[in-house]
Amino acid sequence: MAGPGGGARPSICPTLLYADARAAIRQLTEALGFTELSVFETQDGKVMHAELVQGSGAVMIGSKGRGGLFDTVMKDAGPAGVYVVVDDVDAHHQRAVEHGVEILMPPTDQDYGSRDYMARDAEGNVWTFGTYAPEIGA
């Protein structure tokens, strides 16, 4: 999976399954600023695999109940938490608020130097958007 501009591939991609993957994709793109890279559907219209990008990172989305090993082993998994680096936390937060996203923590300056906020998506996953980005090598 190349980035939107043909850039480097992320080495870690959280993968989340949703009861209504189409609604999740809409919320993540419209309210939380992700860009839809690709969506593949089963013959009955379930999302088999979707890729959404934000900056140099990506998340993979699929429908619950579509079958396959991953769907089976994730059946009883709880909500996930994902951290996403953004440049302008306050503008990002404002967009989420305007789209009715549940905000768990407003933009807050953290002791470790980050500014971030926390939100919950329509199916209970917790997303934190902030300025902290780990230094993973040169």
Protein backbone atom coordinates (compact mmCIF):
# COMPACT_ATOMS: atom_id res chain seq x y z
CA MET A 1 0.00 0.00 0.00
CA ALA A 2 1.64 3.19 -1.15
CA GLY A 3 0.72 6.54 0.36
CA PRO A 4 -1.60 8.91 -1.52
CA GLY A 5 1.36 10.61 -3.17
CA GLY A 6 3.15 7.33 -3.91
CA GLY A 7 5.25 7.73 -0.77
CA ALA A 8 6.57 5.22 1.72
CA ARG A 9 4.39 2.41 3.03
CA PRO A 10 3.46 2.50 6.70
CA SER A 11 4.90 -0.42 8.64
CA ILE A 12 2.00 -0.68 11.11
CA CYS A 13 -1.67 -0.45 10.13
CA PRO A 14 -4.37 -0.88 12.76
CA THR A 15 -7.21 -3.03 11.40
CA LEU A 16 -10.73 -2.51 12.70
CA LEU A 17 -13.93 -4.39 11.95
CA TYR A 18 -17.29 -2.63 12.12
CA ALA A 19 -20.91 -3.79 12.07
CA ASP A 20 -21.51 -0.94 9.59
CA ALA A 21 -18.17 -0.44 7.85
CA ARG A 22 -19.67 1.95 5.28
CA ALA A 23 -20.88 4.27 8.07
CA ALA A 24 -17.46 4.01 9.76
CA ILE A 25 -15.72 4.99 6.52
CA ARG A 26 -18.06 8.00 6.15
CA GLN A 27 -17.40 9.13 9.74
CA LEU A 28 -13.65 8.65 9.49
CA THR A 29 -13.40 10.53 6.19
CA GLU A 30 -16.00 13.27 6.65
CA ALA A 31 -15.62 13.98 10.37
CA LEU A 32 -12.09 12.85 11.21
CA GLY A 33 -10.20 13.81 8.07
CA PHE A 34 -9.07 10.44 6.70
CA THR A 35 -8.76 9.96 2.94
CA GLU A 36 -10.27 6.86 1.35
CA LEU A 37 -7.53 5.05 -0.57
CA SER A 38 -9.46 1.91 -1.57
CA VAL A 39 -12.58 -0.09 -0.75
CA PHE A 40 -13.20 -3.70 -1.81
CA GLU A 41 -16.62 -5.25 -1.28
CA THR A 42 -17.99 -8.78 -1.18
CA GLN A 43 -20.69 -9.76 -3.66
CA ASP A 44 -23.35 -8.98 -1.05
CA GLY A 45 -22.00 -5.44 -0.49
CA LYS A 46 -20.07 -5.90 2.76
CA VAL A 47 -16.72 -4.14 3.04
CA MET A 48 -14.13 -6.90 2.67
CA HIS A 49 -11.18 -4.52 2.96
CA ALA A 50 -10.77 -0.75 2.93
CA GLU A 51 -7.70 1.42 3.34
CA LEU A 52 -7.91 4.93 4.76
CA VAL A 53 -4.93 7.24 5.15
CA GLN A 54 -4.07 10.16 7.41
CA GLY A 55 -0.66 11.73 6.83
CA SER A 56 1.88 8.92 6.45
CA GLY A 57 -0.25 6.40 8.35
CA ALA A 58 -3.07 4.11 7.38
CA VAL A 59 -5.89 2.13 8.93
CA MET A 60 -7.61 -0.88 7.39
CA ILE A 61 -11.36 -1.31 7.80
CA GLY A 62 -13.65 -4.28 7.21
CA SER A 63 -17.16 -5.49 7.95
CA LYS A 64 -17.94 -7.76 10.87
CA GLY A 65 -19.65 -10.99 9.83
CA ARG A 66 -18.08 -11.18 6.38
CA GLY A 67 -16.38 -14.50 7.07
CA GLY A 68 -12.75 -15.52 6.99
CA LEU A 69 -10.19 -16.18 9.70
CA PHE A 70 -9.62 -12.55 10.76
CA ASP A 71 -13.37 -11.98 11.14
CA THR A 72 -13.65 -15.17 13.19
CA VAL A 73 -10.77 -14.42 15.58
CA MET A 74 -11.92 -10.79 16.03
CA LYS A 75 -15.52 -11.82 16.78
CA ASP A 76 -15.38 -11.06 20.51
CA ALA A 77 -12.73 -8.32 20.37
CA GLY A 78 -13.56 -5.11 22.17
CA PRO A 79 -13.10 -1.58 20.94
CA ALA A 80 -9.60 -0.51 19.94
CA GLY A 81 -7.64 2.65 20.64
CA VAL A 82 -5.69 4.33 17.85
CA TYR A 83 -3.38 7.38 18.03
CA VAL A 84 -3.16 9.57 14.91
CA VAL A 85 -0.66 12.40 14.44
CA VAL A 86 -2.17 15.63 13.07
CA ASP A 87 -0.65 19.08 12.54
CA ASP A 88 -3.52 21.25 13.81
CA VAL A 89 -5.27 19.57 16.73
CA ASP A 90 -7.72 22.41 17.32
CA ALA A 91 -8.91 22.58 13.70
CA HIS A 92 -9.17 18.78 13.58
CA HIS A 93 -11.19 18.80 16.81
CA GLN A 94 -13.49 21.51 15.47
CA ARG A 95 -14.22 19.43 12.36
CA ALA A 96 -15.08 16.42 14.52
CA VAL A 97 -17.39 18.52 16.72
CA GLU A 98 -19.14 19.94 13.66
CA HIS A 99 -19.88 16.38 12.51
CA GLY A 100 -21.28 15.33 15.89
CA VAL A 101 -18.42 13.03 16.92
CA GLU A 102 -18.44 12.09 20.62
CA ILE A 103 -15.54 13.96 22.21
CA LEU A 104 -14.06 12.25 25.28
CA MET A 105 -11.38 14.88 25.98
CA PRO A 106 -11.10 18.33 24.37
CA PRO A 107 -7.76 19.57 23.00
CA THR A 108 -5.36 19.45 25.92
CA ASP A 109 -1.68 20.29 26.32
CA GLN A 110 0.08 17.23 27.77
CA ASP A 111 3.08 17.21 30.15
CA TYR A 112 5.16 15.36 27.51
CA GLY A 113 4.75 18.20 24.98
CA SER A 114 1.88 16.96 22.85
CA ARG A 115 -1.46 18.65 22.29
CA ASP A 116 -4.19 16.13 21.71
CA TYR A 117 -7.89 15.29 21.99
CA MET A 118 -9.79 12.04 22.29
CA ALA A 119 -12.95 10.92 20.48
CA ARG A 120 -15.12 7.81 20.25
CA ASP A 121 -16.42 6.60 16.88
CA ALA A 122 -19.95 5.32 16.33
CA GLU A 123 -18.97 1.74 17.27
CA GLY A 124 -16.94 2.49 20.40
CA ASN A 125 -13.36 2.69 19.13
CA VAL A 126 -11.32 5.44 20.79
CA TRP A 127 -9.29 7.73 18.54
CA THR A 128 -6.70 10.15 19.91
CA PHE A 129 -5.48 12.89 17.57
CA GLY A 130 -2.38 14.78 18.59
CA THR A 131 0.95 16.34 17.75
CA TYR A 132 3.18 13.71 19.36
CA ALA A 133 5.05 11.56 16.85
CA PRO A 134 7.57 8.97 18.06
CA GLU A 135 11.10 9.24 16.66
CA ILE A 136 11.68 5.75 15.22
CA GLY A 137 14.97 6.15 13.44
CA ALA A 138 16.96 8.27 11.10
